[in-house]
Amino acid sequence: MQVDFKPLIVSLILNGQAEKALDLLSENYKVSTPKLKVGLPKGHKAKAFGCYTTKDATISVLNSDVILNPFVILHEFYHHLRTSIDKKHKGTEKNADKFAREFIEAYKSLSNPQS
């Protein structure tokens, strides 16, 4: 993984290019690219900002604002990554959060090298 990979992914999401970010993530981790759609599936809690559906390998986000949220996109991509092998939901929410935070921290440290 190249040094600037994580900050690049966060930057793409922040700049409205979540699909491109997902393509690069999928290529890097050697998994299929998940679909991305606005609108949560029926029956999902309105308080959720996003969810991953294993059946159709889709990351769904609450609204068009959330598609610009790197934490949500990366958190849900983690679930895609973990389920790509055997189609079972693996990985805890804590691990998905940690995965997303690592990308965001790399982006922040590149943006603010003094901190």
N, C-alpha and C. Protein backbone atom coordinates (compact mmCIF):
# COMPACT_ATOMS: atom_id res chain seq x y z
N MET A 1 0.86 -1.18 0.00
CA MET A 1 0.00 0.00 0.00
C MET A 1 0.90 1.23 0.00
N GLN A 2 0.65 2.12 -0.94
CA GLN A 2 1.48 3.33 -1.00
C GLN A 2 1.21 4.22 0.21
N VAL A 3 2.20 5.04 0.54
CA VAL A 3 2.15 5.89 1.73
C VAL A 3 0.94 6.81 1.74
N ASP A 4 0.63 7.40 0.60
CA ASP A 4 -0.47 8.38 0.54
C ASP A 4 -1.82 7.75 0.21
N PHE A 5 -1.91 6.43 0.25
CA PHE A 5 -3.15 5.76 -0.14
C PHE A 5 -4.33 6.14 0.75
N LYS A 6 -4.17 6.05 2.05
CA LYS A 6 -5.27 6.34 2.97
C LYS A 6 -5.73 7.79 2.86
N PRO A 7 -4.80 8.76 2.88
CA PRO A 7 -5.25 10.15 2.70
C PRO A 7 -5.95 10.38 1.35
N LEU A 8 -5.46 9.72 0.30
CA LEU A 8 -6.09 9.84 -1.02
C LEU A 8 -7.54 9.37 -0.97
N ILE A 9 -7.78 8.24 -0.34
CA ILE A 9 -9.14 7.69 -0.25
C ILE A 9 -10.06 8.67 0.47
N VAL A 10 -9.61 9.20 1.60
CA VAL A 10 -10.42 10.16 2.36
C VAL A 10 -10.69 11.40 1.53
N SER A 11 -9.67 11.89 0.85
CA SER A 11 -9.82 13.08 0.02
C SER A 11 -10.84 12.86 -1.10
N LEU A 12 -10.78 11.71 -1.73
CA LEU A 12 -11.75 11.40 -2.80
C LEU A 12 -13.18 11.43 -2.27
N ILE A 13 -13.40 10.82 -1.12
CA ILE A 13 -14.75 10.78 -0.53
C ILE A 13 -15.21 12.19 -0.20
N LEU A 14 -14.34 12.97 0.43
CA LEU A 14 -14.69 14.35 0.79
C LEU A 14 -15.02 15.20 -0.43
N ASN A 15 -14.42 14.85 -1.57
CA ASN A 15 -14.62 15.61 -2.80
C ASN A 15 -15.67 15.00 -3.72
N GLY A 16 -16.55 14.18 -3.15
CA GLY A 16 -17.68 13.65 -3.92
C GLY A 16 -17.35 12.53 -4.88
N GLN A 17 -16.22 11.86 -4.65
CA GLN A 17 -15.83 10.77 -5.54
C GLN A 17 -15.76 9.44 -4.78
N ALA A 18 -16.83 9.16 -4.04
CA ALA A 18 -16.86 7.93 -3.24
C ALA A 18 -16.75 6.68 -4.11
N GLU A 19 -17.36 6.69 -5.29
CA GLU A 19 -17.28 5.52 -6.17
C GLU A 19 -15.84 5.23 -6.57
N LYS A 20 -15.11 6.29 -6.91
CA LYS A 20 -13.70 6.11 -7.28
C LYS A 20 -12.91 5.59 -6.08
N ALA A 21 -13.20 6.13 -4.89
CA ALA A 21 -12.53 5.66 -3.67
C ALA A 21 -12.81 4.17 -3.46
N LEU A 22 -14.05 3.75 -3.65
CA LEU A 22 -14.41 2.34 -3.48
C LEU A 22 -13.71 1.46 -4.52
N ASP A 23 -13.57 1.97 -5.74
CA ASP A 23 -12.84 1.22 -6.78
C ASP A 23 -11.39 1.00 -6.35
N LEU A 24 -10.75 2.07 -5.87
CA LEU A 24 -9.35 1.97 -5.44
C LEU A 24 -9.19 1.06 -4.22
N LEU A 25 -10.10 1.19 -3.26
CA LEU A 25 -10.07 0.32 -2.08
C LEU A 25 -10.21 -1.14 -2.49
N SER A 26 -11.14 -1.41 -3.37
CA SER A 26 -11.40 -2.79 -3.81
C SER A 26 -10.21 -3.36 -4.55
N GLU A 27 -9.60 -2.53 -5.39
CA GLU A 27 -8.41 -2.96 -6.12
C GLU A 27 -7.27 -3.25 -5.13
N ASN A 28 -7.08 -2.37 -4.18
CA ASN A 28 -6.02 -2.52 -3.19
C ASN A 28 -6.20 -3.78 -2.34
N TYR A 29 -7.42 -4.05 -1.92
CA TYR A 29 -7.69 -5.21 -1.05
C TYR A 29 -8.09 -6.46 -1.83
N LYS A 30 -8.09 -6.34 -3.17
CA LYS A 30 -8.38 -7.47 -4.05
C LYS A 30 -9.75 -8.11 -3.79
N VAL A 31 -10.76 -7.24 -3.73
CA VAL A 31 -12.15 -7.70 -3.60
C VAL A 31 -12.98 -6.99 -4.66
N SER A 32 -14.19 -7.48 -4.88
CA SER A 32 -15.08 -6.81 -5.83
C SER A 32 -15.46 -5.44 -5.28
N THR A 33 -15.84 -4.55 -6.18
CA THR A 33 -16.26 -3.21 -5.75
C THR A 33 -17.73 -3.26 -5.34
N PRO A 34 -18.04 -2.79 -4.13
CA PRO A 34 -19.45 -2.77 -3.72
C PRO A 34 -20.21 -1.69 -4.47
N LYS A 35 -21.51 -1.90 -4.61
CA LYS A 35 -22.37 -0.86 -5.17
C LYS A 35 -22.56 0.20 -4.08
N LEU A 36 -22.91 1.39 -4.51
CA LEU A 36 -23.15 2.48 -3.57
C LEU A 36 -24.47 3.12 -3.94
N LYS A 37 -25.36 3.26 -2.95
CA LYS A 37 -26.64 3.90 -3.24
C LYS A 37 -27.08 4.80 -2.10
N VAL A 38 -27.85 5.82 -2.47
CA VAL A 38 -28.41 6.74 -1.49
C VAL A 38 -29.78 6.22 -1.10
N GLY A 39 -30.04 6.14 0.19
CA GLY A 39 -31.30 5.61 0.71
C GLY A 39 -31.06 4.28 1.40
N LEU A 40 -31.50 4.19 2.63
CA LEU A 40 -31.32 2.94 3.39
C LEU A 40 -32.38 1.93 2.98
N PRO A 41 -32.05 0.64 3.04
CA PRO A 41 -33.05 -0.39 2.72
C PRO A 41 -34.22 -0.35 3.70
N LYS A 42 -35.35 -0.86 3.27
CA LYS A 42 -36.53 -0.92 4.15
C LYS A 42 -36.19 -1.64 5.43
N GLY A 43 -36.73 -1.12 6.53
CA GLY A 43 -36.55 -1.78 7.81
C GLY A 43 -35.30 -1.36 8.56
N HIS A 44 -34.46 -0.54 7.94
CA HIS A 44 -33.28 -0.08 8.67
C HIS A 44 -33.61 1.14 9.51
N LYS A 45 -32.92 1.21 10.63
CA LYS A 45 -33.17 2.30 11.56
C LYS A 45 -32.87 3.65 10.91
N ALA A 46 -33.73 4.58 11.12
CA ALA A 46 -33.54 5.93 10.58
C ALA A 46 -32.34 6.61 11.22
N LYS A 47 -31.92 6.12 12.38
CA LYS A 47 -30.76 6.76 13.03
C LYS A 47 -29.43 6.31 12.44
N ALA A 48 -29.44 5.27 11.62
CA ALA A 48 -28.21 4.81 10.98
C ALA A 48 -27.86 5.72 9.80
N PHE A 49 -26.58 6.01 9.65
CA PHE A 49 -26.13 6.83 8.53
C PHE A 49 -25.82 5.98 7.31
N GLY A 50 -25.54 4.70 7.55
CA GLY A 50 -25.23 3.81 6.44
C GLY A 50 -25.36 2.37 6.86
N CYS A 51 -25.40 1.49 5.86
CA CYS A 51 -25.42 0.06 6.15
C CYS A 51 -24.86 -0.68 4.95
N TYR A 52 -24.42 -1.90 5.20
CA TYR A 52 -23.90 -2.76 4.15
C TYR A 52 -24.81 -3.97 4.03
N THR A 53 -25.24 -4.27 2.81
CA THR A 53 -26.10 -5.42 2.57
C THR A 53 -25.28 -6.48 1.84
N THR A 54 -25.07 -7.60 2.51
CA THR A 54 -24.25 -8.67 1.96
C THR A 54 -24.87 -9.27 0.70
N LYS A 55 -26.18 -9.46 0.73
CA LYS A 55 -26.88 -10.14 -0.36
C LYS A 55 -26.57 -9.53 -1.73
N ASP A 56 -26.57 -8.20 -1.80
CA ASP A 56 -26.30 -7.56 -3.09
C ASP A 56 -25.02 -6.72 -3.08
N ALA A 57 -24.18 -6.92 -2.06
CA ALA A 57 -22.89 -6.22 -1.94
C ALA A 57 -23.06 -4.72 -2.17
N THR A 58 -23.96 -4.12 -1.37
CA THR A 58 -24.26 -2.70 -1.54
C THR A 58 -24.07 -1.93 -0.24
N ILE A 59 -23.37 -0.80 -0.37
CA ILE A 59 -23.28 0.16 0.72
C ILE A 59 -24.40 1.17 0.48
N SER A 60 -25.29 1.30 1.45
CA SER A 60 -26.39 2.26 1.35
C SER A 60 -26.13 3.35 2.39
N VAL A 61 -26.37 4.59 1.98
CA VAL A 61 -26.20 5.71 2.89
C VAL A 61 -27.53 6.43 3.05
N LEU A 62 -27.70 7.07 4.19
CA LEU A 62 -28.95 7.72 4.55
C LEU A 62 -29.38 8.77 3.53
N ASN A 63 -28.46 9.65 3.12
CA ASN A 63 -28.80 10.70 2.17
C ASN A 63 -27.55 11.14 1.41
N SER A 64 -27.73 12.10 0.51
CA SER A 64 -26.60 12.52 -0.34
C SER A 64 -25.50 13.24 0.44
N ASP A 65 -25.81 13.77 1.62
CA ASP A 65 -24.76 14.38 2.44
C ASP A 65 -23.82 13.32 3.00
N VAL A 66 -24.38 12.18 3.36
CA VAL A 66 -23.59 11.11 4.00
C VAL A 66 -22.60 10.49 3.01
N ILE A 67 -22.89 10.58 1.73
CA ILE A 67 -21.99 10.02 0.73
C ILE A 67 -20.63 10.73 0.74
N LEU A 68 -20.59 11.91 1.36
CA LEU A 68 -19.35 12.68 1.49
C LEU A 68 -18.66 12.45 2.84
N ASN A 69 -19.17 11.51 3.62
CA ASN A 69 -18.64 11.24 4.96
C ASN A 69 -17.69 10.04 4.90
N PRO A 70 -16.37 10.31 4.97
CA PRO A 70 -15.41 9.20 4.87
C PRO A 70 -15.58 8.14 5.96
N PHE A 71 -15.96 8.56 7.16
CA PHE A 71 -16.11 7.58 8.23
C PHE A 71 -17.18 6.54 7.88
N VAL A 72 -18.32 7.00 7.40
CA VAL A 72 -19.42 6.08 7.06
C VAL A 72 -19.03 5.18 5.88
N ILE A 73 -18.49 5.77 4.83
CA ILE A 73 -18.13 4.98 3.64
C ILE A 73 -17.08 3.93 3.99
N LEU A 74 -16.05 4.33 4.72
CA LEU A 74 -14.99 3.39 5.09
C LEU A 74 -15.47 2.33 6.08
N HIS A 75 -16.31 2.73 7.02
CA HIS A 75 -16.88 1.78 7.98
C HIS A 75 -17.65 0.69 7.23
N GLU A 76 -18.49 1.11 6.30
CA GLU A 76 -19.29 0.12 5.55
C GLU A 76 -18.43 -0.69 4.59
N PHE A 77 -17.39 -0.07 4.03
CA PHE A 77 -16.48 -0.83 3.16
C PHE A 77 -15.80 -1.95 3.96
N TYR A 78 -15.48 -1.67 5.21
CA TYR A 78 -14.88 -2.70 6.06
C TYR A 78 -15.79 -3.93 6.13
N HIS A 79 -17.09 -3.71 6.27
CA HIS A 79 -18.02 -4.84 6.31
C HIS A 79 -18.00 -5.58 4.97
N HIS A 80 -17.92 -4.84 3.87
CA HIS A 80 -17.82 -5.47 2.54
C HIS A 80 -16.55 -6.32 2.46
N LEU A 81 -15.46 -5.76 2.92
CA LEU A 81 -14.17 -6.44 2.89
C LEU A 81 -14.24 -7.74 3.68
N ARG A 82 -14.80 -7.68 4.85
CA ARG A 82 -14.87 -8.86 5.72
C ARG A 82 -15.84 -9.93 5.20
N THR A 83 -16.85 -9.53 4.45
CA THR A 83 -17.83 -10.51 3.97
C THR A 83 -17.52 -11.01 2.57
N SER A 84 -16.54 -10.43 1.90
CA SER A 84 -16.25 -10.80 0.51
C SER A 84 -15.81 -12.26 0.37
N ILE A 85 -15.28 -12.83 1.44
CA ILE A 85 -14.76 -14.19 1.34
C ILE A 85 -15.86 -15.24 1.38
N ASP A 86 -16.74 -15.18 2.36
CA ASP A 86 -17.74 -16.25 2.47
C ASP A 86 -19.18 -15.76 2.63
N LYS A 87 -19.42 -14.49 2.34
CA LYS A 87 -20.77 -13.91 2.35
C LYS A 87 -21.45 -13.87 3.71
N LYS A 88 -20.68 -14.09 4.76
CA LYS A 88 -21.24 -13.97 6.10
C LYS A 88 -20.75 -12.67 6.70
N HIS A 89 -21.60 -12.03 7.49
CA HIS A 89 -21.24 -10.75 8.10
C HIS A 89 -20.21 -11.01 9.18
N LYS A 90 -19.01 -10.51 8.95
CA LYS A 90 -17.94 -10.69 9.92
C LYS A 90 -17.41 -9.32 10.31
N GLY A 91 -16.74 -9.27 11.41
CA GLY A 91 -16.12 -8.02 11.84
C GLY A 91 -17.05 -7.23 12.72
N THR A 92 -16.54 -6.82 13.81
CA THR A 92 -17.37 -6.09 14.75
C THR A 92 -17.46 -4.63 14.34
N GLU A 93 -18.42 -3.96 14.91
CA GLU A 93 -18.56 -2.52 14.68
C GLU A 93 -17.31 -1.80 15.15
N LYS A 94 -16.73 -2.27 16.24
CA LYS A 94 -15.51 -1.65 16.78
C LYS A 94 -14.38 -1.73 15.76
N ASN A 95 -14.23 -2.88 15.11
CA ASN A 95 -13.18 -3.03 14.10
C ASN A 95 -13.46 -2.19 12.86
N ALA A 96 -14.71 -2.08 12.48
CA ALA A 96 -15.08 -1.24 11.33
C ALA A 96 -14.78 0.23 11.64
N ASP A 97 -15.07 0.64 12.87
CA ASP A 97 -14.76 2.01 13.31
C ASP A 97 -13.25 2.24 13.27
N LYS A 98 -12.49 1.28 13.75
CA LYS A 98 -11.03 1.41 13.79
C LYS A 98 -10.47 1.52 12.37
N PHE A 99 -10.96 0.72 11.46
CA PHE A 99 -10.55 0.76 10.06
C PHE A 99 -10.78 2.16 9.49
N ALA A 100 -11.96 2.70 9.70
CA ALA A 100 -12.29 4.03 9.19
C ALA A 100 -11.42 5.11 9.83
N ARG A 101 -11.24 5.01 11.14
CA ARG A 101 -10.42 6.00 11.85
C ARG A 101 -8.98 6.03 11.38
N GLU A 102 -8.42 4.86 11.03
CA GLU A 102 -7.04 4.80 10.55
C GLU A 102 -6.87 5.62 9.27
N PHE A 103 -7.83 5.54 8.37
CA PHE A 103 -7.78 6.31 7.14
C PHE A 103 -7.89 7.81 7.44
N ILE A 104 -8.82 8.16 8.32
CA ILE A 104 -9.06 9.56 8.64
C ILE A 104 -7.85 10.16 9.36
N GLU A 105 -7.25 9.40 10.27
CA GLU A 105 -6.06 9.89 10.97
C GLU A 105 -4.90 10.09 10.00
N ALA A 106 -4.74 9.20 9.04
CA ALA A 106 -3.68 9.35 8.04
C ALA A 106 -3.91 10.62 7.22
N TYR A 107 -5.16 10.87 6.89
CA TYR A 107 -5.51 12.09 6.14
C TYR A 107 -5.21 13.33 6.97
N LYS A 108 -5.60 13.30 8.23
CA LYS A 108 -5.37 14.45 9.12
C LYS A 108 -3.87 14.70 9.31
N SER A 109 -3.10 13.65 9.48
CA SER A 109 -1.67 13.85 9.72
C SER A 109 -0.97 14.37 8.46
N LEU A 110 -1.47 14.04 7.29
CA LEU A 110 -0.90 14.57 6.06
C LEU A 110 -1.31 16.03 5.87
N SER A 111 -2.54 16.36 6.30
CA SER A 111 -3.05 17.72 6.19
C SER A 111 -2.42 18.66 7.21
N ASN A 112 -2.12 18.12 8.40
CA ASN A 112 -1.54 18.90 9.50
C ASN A 112 -0.27 18.22 10.01
N PRO A 113 0.82 18.31 9.29
CA PRO A 113 2.03 17.59 9.71
C PRO A 113 2.57 18.03 11.09
N GLN A 114 2.23 19.22 11.55
CA GLN A 114 2.72 19.69 12.85
C GLN A 114 2.03 19.03 14.02
N SER A 115 0.81 18.57 13.84
CA SER A 115 0.07 18.05 15.00
C SER A 115 0.45 16.65 15.36
